Amino acid sequence: MRGEVLKPDNLDGAGLILGEDGQRYQFTQLQVRNGAVLHAGQTVDFISMGEEARDIYALGAAAAQPATTPPAYAGAPPALPTAAYATAVPLKSDGLWAYFTRTLTKNFVQFHGRARRAEYWGYVLFATIFYVAALLVDVMLSLAFYGTDEYGDPIILPILFIVFVLYNILPSLSITIRRLHDRDLSGWMYLISFIPYIGGLILLVLMILDSKPATNKHGPSPKYMGATTADTFA
């Protein structure tokens, strides 16, 4: 896929590429091939892996940027360096519905990478709505076609509900694992949910916690573009 570099990888965080599909992809300099150094506005070719760009090749030079060095005045105090501990600014969310549909399609079995908090809860919200809707449709169709048994109890066949549950096994597992990656935890931490009484509660707390801005072994932060650890202590 081809795209345009919106932001290079630097001390402010991971780079950002706008793909020809309209999606934004994060990258680090390690993924740039042939030793090229990318600049804003440069055209590149890359492979999309979830929300990350990999195997990036520079195709053209970036547009020249005019110099903006301010004039020096006699007696003016020397410019102070930029504070090293700046607040990490989050990227704008793509929307809960977009995260939900992407989890069920493009990221259906995406177990590597990271998922920001809004992505996880967008999926949970609309999945719950569809679970309830599927169950209600099952009840109405069952009553219409099968009615009640000899004791007057309704005969319910939750066919749509079961199909939706089975379809969501892998997406729900993959997005939970990527959410754990976002907290710099192993995906095997998912197994903690099987601990009676407290396992599910611990996993819920982990899902509620915000993204860690720093880039980790699972990739750059999908919310803060991989801001450095120092940036989190403003």
C-alpha atoms as a PDB file:
ATOM      1  CA  MET A   1       0.000   0.000   0.000  1.00  0.00           C
ATOM      2  CA  ARG A   2       1.118   3.572  -0.631  1.00  0.00           C
ATOM      3  CA  GLY A   3       0.737   6.500   1.692  1.00  0.00           C
ATOM      4  CA  GLU A   4       2.074   9.854   2.802  1.00  0.00           C
ATOM      5  CA  VAL A   5       4.164  10.520   5.876  1.00  0.00           C
ATOM      6  CA  LEU A   6       2.269  12.806   8.238  1.00  0.00           C
ATOM      7  CA  LYS A   7       4.881  12.748  10.983  1.00  0.00           C
ATOM      8  CA  PRO A   8       8.349  11.180  11.083  1.00  0.00           C
ATOM      9  CA  ASP A   9       9.548   8.966  13.905  1.00  0.00           C
ATOM     10  CA  ASN A  10      11.417  11.178  16.372  1.00  0.00           C
ATOM     11  CA  LEU A  11      11.777  11.979  20.087  1.00  0.00           C
ATOM     12  CA  ASP A  12       8.177  13.239  20.174  1.00  0.00           C
ATOM     13  CA  GLY A  13       6.883   9.756  19.459  1.00  0.00           C
ATOM     14  CA  ALA A  14       6.347   7.216  16.691  1.00  0.00           C
ATOM     15  CA  GLY A  15       5.782   8.295  13.108  1.00  0.00           C
ATOM     16  CA  LEU A  16       2.419   8.441  11.356  1.00  0.00           C
ATOM     17  CA  ILE A  17       1.504   7.542   7.769  1.00  0.00           C
ATOM     18  CA  LEU A  18      -1.793   8.304   6.031  1.00  0.00           C
ATOM     19  CA  GLY A  19      -2.530   5.287   3.819  1.00  0.00           C
ATOM     20  CA  GLU A  20      -4.359   5.454   0.507  1.00  0.00           C
ATOM     21  CA  ASP A  21      -7.233   3.661   2.256  1.00  0.00           C
ATOM     22  CA  GLY A  22      -7.764   6.707   4.478  1.00  0.00           C
ATOM     23  CA  GLN A  23      -6.447   4.986   7.618  1.00  0.00           C
ATOM     24  CA  ARG A  24      -3.571   6.242   9.766  1.00  0.00           C
ATOM     25  CA  TYR A  25      -0.693   3.862  10.464  1.00  0.00           C
ATOM     26  CA  GLN A  26       2.040   4.237  13.065  1.00  0.00           C
ATOM     27  CA  PHE A  27       5.646   3.303  12.408  1.00  0.00           C
ATOM     28  CA  THR A  28       9.114   3.429  13.875  1.00  0.00           C
ATOM     29  CA  GLN A  29      12.390   4.077  12.080  1.00  0.00           C
ATOM     30  CA  LEU A  30      13.280   0.398  12.477  1.00  0.00           C
ATOM     31  CA  GLN A  31      10.602  -0.445   9.905  1.00  0.00           C
ATOM     32  CA  VAL A  32      12.074   1.877   7.245  1.00  0.00           C
ATOM     33  CA  ARG A  33      14.146  -0.036   4.695  1.00  0.00           C
ATOM     34  CA  ASN A  34      17.375   0.910   2.880  1.00  0.00           C
ATOM     35  CA  GLY A  35      18.406   3.240   5.691  1.00  0.00           C
ATOM     36  CA  ALA A  36      16.081   6.006   4.478  1.00  0.00           C
ATOM     37  CA  VAL A  37      15.090   8.809   6.843  1.00  0.00           C
ATOM     38  CA  LEU A  38      11.480   9.821   6.270  1.00  0.00           C
ATOM     39  CA  HIS A  39      10.136  13.363   6.387  1.00  0.00           C
ATOM     40  CA  ALA A  40       6.625  14.817   6.510  1.00  0.00           C
ATOM     41  CA  GLY A  41       4.975  14.858   3.088  1.00  0.00           C
ATOM     42  CA  GLN A  42       7.081  12.017   1.693  1.00  0.00           C
ATOM     43  CA  THR A  43       5.410   9.270  -0.354  1.00  0.00           C
ATOM     44  CA  VAL A  44       6.093   5.730   0.849  1.00  0.00           C
ATOM     45  CA  ASP A  45       5.130   2.154   0.116  1.00  0.00           C
ATOM     46  CA  PHE A  46       4.426  -0.112   3.107  1.00  0.00           C
ATOM     47  CA  ILE A  47       2.641  -3.168   4.414  1.00  0.00           C
ATOM     48  CA  SER A  48      -0.209  -2.580   6.866  1.00  0.00           C
ATOM     49  CA  MET A  49      -0.337  -4.795   9.946  1.00  0.00           C
ATOM     50  CA  GLY A  50      -3.351  -3.744  11.965  1.00  0.00           C
ATOM     51  CA  GLU A  51      -2.696  -0.121  12.876  1.00  0.00           C
ATOM     52  CA  GLU A  52       1.045  -0.360  12.182  1.00  0.00           C
ATOM     53  CA  ALA A  53       3.063   0.205   9.001  1.00  0.00           C
ATOM     54  CA  ARG A  54       5.905  -2.213   8.293  1.00  0.00           C
ATOM     55  CA  ASP A  55       8.512  -2.804   5.564  1.00  0.00           C
ATOM     56  CA  ILE A  56       8.407   0.866   4.579  1.00  0.00           C
ATOM     57  CA  TYR A  57      10.161   2.064   1.406  1.00  0.00           C
ATOM     58  CA  ALA A  58      10.598   5.728   0.544  1.00  0.00           C
ATOM     59  CA  LEU A  59       9.306   6.550  -2.969  1.00  0.00           C
ATOM     60  CA  GLY A  60       9.819  10.292  -3.221  1.00  0.00           C
ATOM     61  CA  ALA A  61      11.414  13.259  -1.524  1.00  0.00           C
ATOM     62  CA  ALA A  62       9.421  15.359   0.920  1.00  0.00           C
ATOM     63  CA  ALA A  63       8.382  18.855  -0.075  1.00  0.00           C
ATOM     64  CA  ALA A  64      10.910  21.486   0.951  1.00  0.00           C
ATOM     65  CA  GLN A  65       9.960  23.352   4.104  1.00  0.00           C
ATOM     66  CA  PRO A  66      10.744  27.084   4.350  1.00  0.00           C
ATOM     67  CA  ALA A  67      13.129  28.102   7.113  1.00  0.00           C
ATOM     68  CA  THR A  68      11.371  29.644  10.079  1.00  0.00           C
ATOM     69  CA  THR A  69      14.329  30.684  12.233  1.00  0.00           C
ATOM     70  CA  PRO A  70      13.323  33.892  14.054  1.00  0.00           C
ATOM     71  CA  PRO A  71      15.676  36.883  13.794  1.00  0.00           C
ATOM     72  CA  ALA A  72      18.050  37.523  16.677  1.00  0.00           C
ATOM     73  CA  TYR A  73      17.854  40.851  18.472  1.00  0.00           C
ATOM     74  CA  ALA A  74      20.642  42.539  20.385  1.00  0.00           C
ATOM     75  CA  GLY A  75      20.293  42.078  24.115  1.00  0.00           C
ATOM     76  CA  ALA A  76      17.636  39.391  23.741  1.00  0.00           C
ATOM     77  CA  PRO A  77      17.874  36.535  26.272  1.00  0.00           C
ATOM     78  CA  PRO A  78      18.992  33.179  24.886  1.00  0.00           C
ATOM     79  CA  ALA A  79      16.247  30.795  23.822  1.00  0.00           C
ATOM     80  CA  LEU A  80      15.410  28.196  26.445  1.00  0.00           C
ATOM     81  CA  PRO A  81      15.370  24.537  25.443  1.00  0.00           C
ATOM     82  CA  THR A  82      12.041  22.801  25.102  1.00  0.00           C
ATOM     83  CA  ALA A  83      10.988  21.028  28.273  1.00  0.00           C
ATOM     84  CA  ALA A  84      11.876  17.371  28.166  1.00  0.00           C
ATOM     85  CA  TYR A  85       8.857  16.405  30.226  1.00  0.00           C
ATOM     86  CA  ALA A  86       5.977  17.518  28.030  1.00  0.00           C
ATOM     87  CA  THR A  87       2.475  16.110  28.364  1.00  0.00           C
ATOM     88  CA  ALA A  88       1.690  13.366  25.843  1.00  0.00           C
ATOM     89  CA  VAL A  89      -1.201  14.515  23.645  1.00  0.00           C
ATOM     90  CA  PRO A  90      -3.617  11.711  22.645  1.00  0.00           C
ATOM     91  CA  LEU A  91      -4.683  11.147  19.062  1.00  0.00           C
ATOM     92  CA  LYS A  92      -8.315  11.710  18.162  1.00  0.00           C
ATOM     93  CA  SER A  93     -10.425   8.567  18.446  1.00  0.00           C
ATOM     94  CA  ASP A  94     -11.731   6.983  15.238  1.00  0.00           C
ATOM     95  CA  GLY A  95     -15.143   6.454  16.863  1.00  0.00           C
ATOM     96  CA  LEU A  96     -16.612   3.566  18.854  1.00  0.00           C
ATOM     97  CA  TRP A  97     -18.565   2.164  15.884  1.00  0.00           C
ATOM     98  CA  ALA A  98     -15.458   2.225  13.669  1.00  0.00           C
ATOM     99  CA  TYR A  99     -13.514   0.325  16.323  1.00  0.00           C
ATOM    100  CA  PHE A 100     -16.322  -2.240  16.624  1.00  0.00           C
ATOM    101  CA  THR A 101     -16.573  -2.947  12.882  1.00  0.00           C
ATOM    102  CA  ARG A 102     -12.779  -3.031  12.519  1.00  0.00           C
ATOM    103  CA  THR A 103     -12.524  -5.613  15.317  1.00  0.00           C
ATOM    104  CA  LEU A 104     -15.019  -7.885  13.564  1.00  0.00           C
ATOM    105  CA  THR A 105     -13.395  -7.516  10.128  1.00  0.00           C
ATOM    106  CA  LYS A 106      -9.853  -6.226   9.629  1.00  0.00           C
ATOM    107  CA  ASN A 107      -8.657  -7.137  13.147  1.00  0.00           C
ATOM    108  CA  PHE A 108     -10.673 -10.363  13.405  1.00  0.00           C
ATOM    109  CA  VAL A 109      -7.632 -12.455  14.411  1.00  0.00           C
ATOM    110  CA  GLN A 110      -5.132  -9.640  15.046  1.00  0.00           C
ATOM    111  CA  PHE A 111      -3.297 -10.880  18.122  1.00  0.00           C
ATOM    112  CA  HIS A 112      -0.173  -8.713  17.781  1.00  0.00           C
ATOM    113  CA  GLY A 113       0.039  -4.971  18.311  1.00  0.00           C
ATOM    114  CA  ARG A 114      -1.861  -2.799  20.778  1.00  0.00           C
ATOM    115  CA  ALA A 115      -5.462  -1.608  21.250  1.00  0.00           C
ATOM    116  CA  ARG A 116      -6.347   1.642  22.987  1.00  0.00           C
ATOM    117  CA  ARG A 117      -9.029   1.778  25.661  1.00  0.00           C
ATOM    118  CA  ALA A 118     -11.671   3.354  23.371  1.00  0.00           C
ATOM    119  CA  GLU A 119     -11.178   0.549  20.841  1.00  0.00           C
ATOM    120  CA  TYR A 120     -11.831  -2.138  23.445  1.00  0.00           C
ATOM    121  CA  TRP A 121     -14.882  -0.507  24.998  1.00  0.00           C
ATOM    122  CA  GLY A 122     -16.309   0.454  21.595  1.00  0.00           C
ATOM    123  CA  TYR A 123     -16.280  -3.238  20.728  1.00  0.00           C
ATOM    124  CA  VAL A 124     -17.776  -4.242  24.092  1.00  0.00           C
ATOM    125  CA  LEU A 125     -20.569  -1.649  23.830  1.00  0.00           C
ATOM    126  CA  PHE A 126     -21.831  -2.594  20.375  1.00  0.00           C
ATOM    127  CA  ALA A 127     -21.247  -6.316  20.884  1.00  0.00           C
ATOM    128  CA  THR A 128     -23.510  -6.150  23.949  1.00  0.00           C
ATOM    129  CA  ILE A 129     -26.165  -4.276  21.962  1.00  0.00           C
ATOM    130  CA  PHE A 130     -26.055  -6.905  19.208  1.00  0.00           C
ATOM    131  CA  TYR A 131     -26.215  -9.739  21.755  1.00  0.00           C
ATOM    132  CA  VAL A 132     -29.412  -8.273  23.219  1.00  0.00           C
ATOM    133  CA  ALA A 133     -30.884  -7.568  19.763  1.00  0.00           C
ATOM    134  CA  ALA A 134     -30.117 -11.115  18.554  1.00  0.00           C
ATOM    135  CA  LEU A 135     -31.750 -12.621  21.642  1.00  0.00           C
ATOM    136  CA  LEU A 136     -34.881 -10.485  21.205  1.00  0.00           C
ATOM    137  CA  VAL A 137     -35.178 -11.501  17.544  1.00  0.00           C
ATOM    138  CA  ASP A 138     -34.759 -15.155  18.539  1.00  0.00           C
ATOM    139  CA  VAL A 139     -37.572 -14.838  21.082  1.00  0.00           C
ATOM    140  CA  MET A 140     -39.946 -13.200  18.571  1.00  0.00           C
ATOM    141  CA  LEU A 141     -39.197 -15.718  15.806  1.00  0.00           C
ATOM    142  CA  SER A 142     -39.455 -18.677  18.186  1.00  0.00           C
ATOM    143  CA  LEU A 143     -42.844 -17.532  19.462  1.00  0.00           C
ATOM    144  CA  ALA A 144     -44.045 -16.906  15.915  1.00  0.00           C
ATOM    145  CA  PHE A 145     -42.975 -20.320  14.567  1.00  0.00           C
ATOM    146  CA  TYR A 146     -43.038 -22.622  17.611  1.00  0.00           C
ATOM    147  CA  GLY A 147     -45.363 -20.959  20.113  1.00  0.00           C
ATOM    148  CA  THR A 148     -45.498 -22.664  23.500  1.00  0.00           C
ATOM    149  CA  ASP A 149     -45.137 -26.192  24.780  1.00  0.00           C
ATOM    150  CA  GLU A 150     -47.847 -28.309  26.405  1.00  0.00           C
ATOM    151  CA  TYR A 151     -47.317 -26.485  29.711  1.00  0.00           C
ATOM    152  CA  GLY A 152     -47.741 -23.048  28.186  1.00  0.00           C
ATOM    153  CA  ASP A 153     -44.045 -22.153  28.374  1.00  0.00           C
ATOM    154  CA  PRO A 154     -42.560 -20.458  25.298  1.00  0.00           C
ATOM    155  CA  ILE A 155     -40.239 -22.521  23.113  1.00  0.00           C
ATOM    156  CA  ILE A 156     -37.109 -20.439  22.570  1.00  0.00           C
ATOM    157  CA  LEU A 157     -34.410 -21.378  20.068  1.00  0.00           C
ATOM    158  CA  PRO A 158     -31.579 -18.808  20.424  1.00  0.00           C
ATOM    159  CA  ILE A 159     -30.094 -19.522  16.989  1.00  0.00           C
ATOM    160  CA  LEU A 160     -28.984 -15.980  16.089  1.00  0.00           C
ATOM    161  CA  PHE A 161     -27.618 -15.419  19.579  1.00  0.00           C
ATOM    162  CA  ILE A 162     -25.494 -18.586  19.441  1.00  0.00           C
ATOM    163  CA  VAL A 163     -24.191 -17.748  15.949  1.00  0.00           C
ATOM    164  CA  PHE A 164     -23.145 -14.268  17.094  1.00  0.00           C
ATOM    165  CA  VAL A 165     -21.477 -15.705  20.213  1.00  0.00           C
ATOM    166  CA  LEU A 166     -19.471 -18.182  18.137  1.00  0.00           C
ATOM    167  CA  TYR A 167     -18.497 -15.496  15.612  1.00  0.00           C
ATOM    168  CA  ASN A 168     -17.189 -13.260  18.409  1.00  0.00           C
ATOM    169  CA  ILE A 169     -14.948 -15.802  20.141  1.00  0.00           C
ATOM    170  CA  LEU A 170     -11.798 -14.902  18.216  1.00  0.00           C
ATOM    171  CA  PRO A 171     -12.395 -11.116  17.910  1.00  0.00           C
ATOM    172  CA  SER A 172     -13.128 -10.766  21.625  1.00  0.00           C
ATOM    173  CA  LEU A 173     -10.014 -12.755  22.476  1.00  0.00           C
ATOM    174  CA  SER A 174      -7.785 -10.808  20.069  1.00  0.00           C
ATOM    175  CA  ILE A 175      -8.888  -7.347  21.213  1.00  0.00           C
ATOM    176  CA  THR A 176      -8.499  -8.305  24.882  1.00  0.00           C
ATOM    177  CA  ILE A 177      -4.964  -9.539  24.224  1.00  0.00           C
ATOM    178  CA  ARG A 178      -4.094  -6.340  22.319  1.00  0.00           C
ATOM    179  CA  ARG A 179      -5.519  -4.297  25.215  1.00  0.00           C
ATOM    180  CA  LEU A 180      -3.197  -6.189  27.572  1.00  0.00           C
ATOM    181  CA  HIS A 181      -0.323  -5.430  25.187  1.00  0.00           C
ATOM    182  CA  ASP A 182      -1.262  -1.755  25.446  1.00  0.00           C
ATOM    183  CA  ARG A 183      -0.586  -2.005  29.175  1.00  0.00           C
ATOM    184  CA  ASP A 184       2.778  -3.644  28.388  1.00  0.00           C
ATOM    185  CA  LEU A 185       1.511  -7.016  29.634  1.00  0.00           C
ATOM    186  CA  SER A 186       1.671 -10.461  28.069  1.00  0.00           C
ATOM    187  CA  GLY A 187      -1.416 -11.784  26.309  1.00  0.00           C
ATOM    188  CA  TRP A 188      -1.208 -14.812  28.581  1.00  0.00           C
ATOM    189  CA  MET A 189      -2.519 -12.535  31.333  1.00  0.00           C
ATOM    190  CA  TYR A 190      -5.936 -13.274  29.809  1.00  0.00           C
ATOM    191  CA  LEU A 191      -5.845 -16.585  31.669  1.00  0.00           C
ATOM    192  CA  ILE A 192      -6.201 -14.659  34.919  1.00  0.00           C
ATOM    193  CA  SER A 193      -9.910 -14.344  34.106  1.00  0.00           C
ATOM    194  CA  PHE A 194     -10.318 -18.052  34.902  1.00  0.00           C
ATOM    195  CA  ILE A 195      -9.398 -17.513  38.556  1.00  0.00           C
ATOM    196  CA  PRO A 196     -12.672 -17.856  40.499  1.00  0.00           C
ATOM    197  CA  TYR A 197     -14.263 -14.713  41.977  1.00  0.00           C
ATOM    198  CA  ILE A 198     -11.395 -12.258  41.468  1.00  0.00           C
ATOM    199  CA  GLY A 199      -9.937 -13.163  38.056  1.00  0.00           C
ATOM    200  CA  GLY A 200     -12.608 -11.429  36.017  1.00  0.00           C
ATOM    201  CA  LEU A 201     -12.471  -8.363  38.273  1.00  0.00           C
ATOM    202  CA  ILE A 202      -8.693  -8.034  37.841  1.00  0.00           C
ATOM    203  CA  LEU A 203      -9.027  -8.299  34.053  1.00  0.00           C
ATOM    204  CA  LEU A 204     -11.792  -5.667  34.108  1.00  0.00           C
ATOM    205  CA  VAL A 205      -9.530  -3.238  35.973  1.00  0.00           C
ATOM    206  CA  LEU A 206      -6.771  -3.791  33.405  1.00  0.00           C
ATOM    207  CA  MET A 207      -9.235  -3.048  30.588  1.00  0.00           C
ATOM    208  CA  ILE A 208     -10.255   0.220  32.273  1.00  0.00           C
ATOM    209  CA  LEU A 209      -6.702   1.542  32.701  1.00  0.00           C
ATOM    210  CA  ASP A 210      -5.436   4.051  30.135  1.00  0.00           C
ATOM    211  CA  SER A 211      -2.820   3.365  27.465  1.00  0.00           C
ATOM    212  CA  LYS A 212       0.843   3.637  28.385  1.00  0.00           C
ATOM    213  CA  PRO A 213       2.310   6.410  26.189  1.00  0.00           C
ATOM    214  CA  ALA A 214       5.730   4.801  25.782  1.00  0.00           C
ATOM    215  CA  THR A 215       6.518   2.433  22.919  1.00  0.00           C
ATOM    216  CA  ASN A 216       6.896  -1.134  24.187  1.00  0.00           C
ATOM    217  CA  LYS A 217       7.811  -4.495  22.670  1.00  0.00           C
ATOM    218  CA  HIS A 218       4.315  -4.734  21.161  1.00  0.00           C
ATOM    219  CA  GLY A 219       4.670  -1.485  19.224  1.00  0.00           C
ATOM    220  CA  PRO A 220       3.928   2.241  19.603  1.00  0.00           C
ATOM    221  CA  SER A 221       0.967   3.480  21.610  1.00  0.00           C
ATOM    222  CA  PRO A 222      -2.163   3.691  19.408  1.00  0.00           C
ATOM    223  CA  LYS A 223      -3.335   6.618  21.529  1.00  0.00           C
ATOM    224  CA  TYR A 224      -0.165   8.638  22.125  1.00  0.00           C
ATOM    225  CA  MET A 225       1.856   7.652  19.000  1.00  0.00           C
ATOM    226  CA  GLY A 226       4.545   6.028  21.136  1.00  0.00           C
ATOM    227  CA  ALA A 227       5.521   9.064  23.213  1.00  0.00           C
ATOM    228  CA  THR A 228       8.603   8.449  25.326  1.00  0.00           C
ATOM    229  CA  THR A 229       8.372   7.478  28.974  1.00  0.00           C
ATOM    230  CA  ALA A 230       9.635  10.893  30.008  1.00  0.00           C
ATOM    231  CA  ASP A 231       6.631  12.471  28.343  1.00  0.00           C
ATOM    232  CA  THR A 232       4.276  10.866  30.847  1.00  0.00           C
ATOM    233  CA  PHE A 233       5.602  12.845  33.827  1.00  0.00           C
ATOM    234  CA  ALA A 234       4.557  16.391  32.885  1.00  0.00           C
END
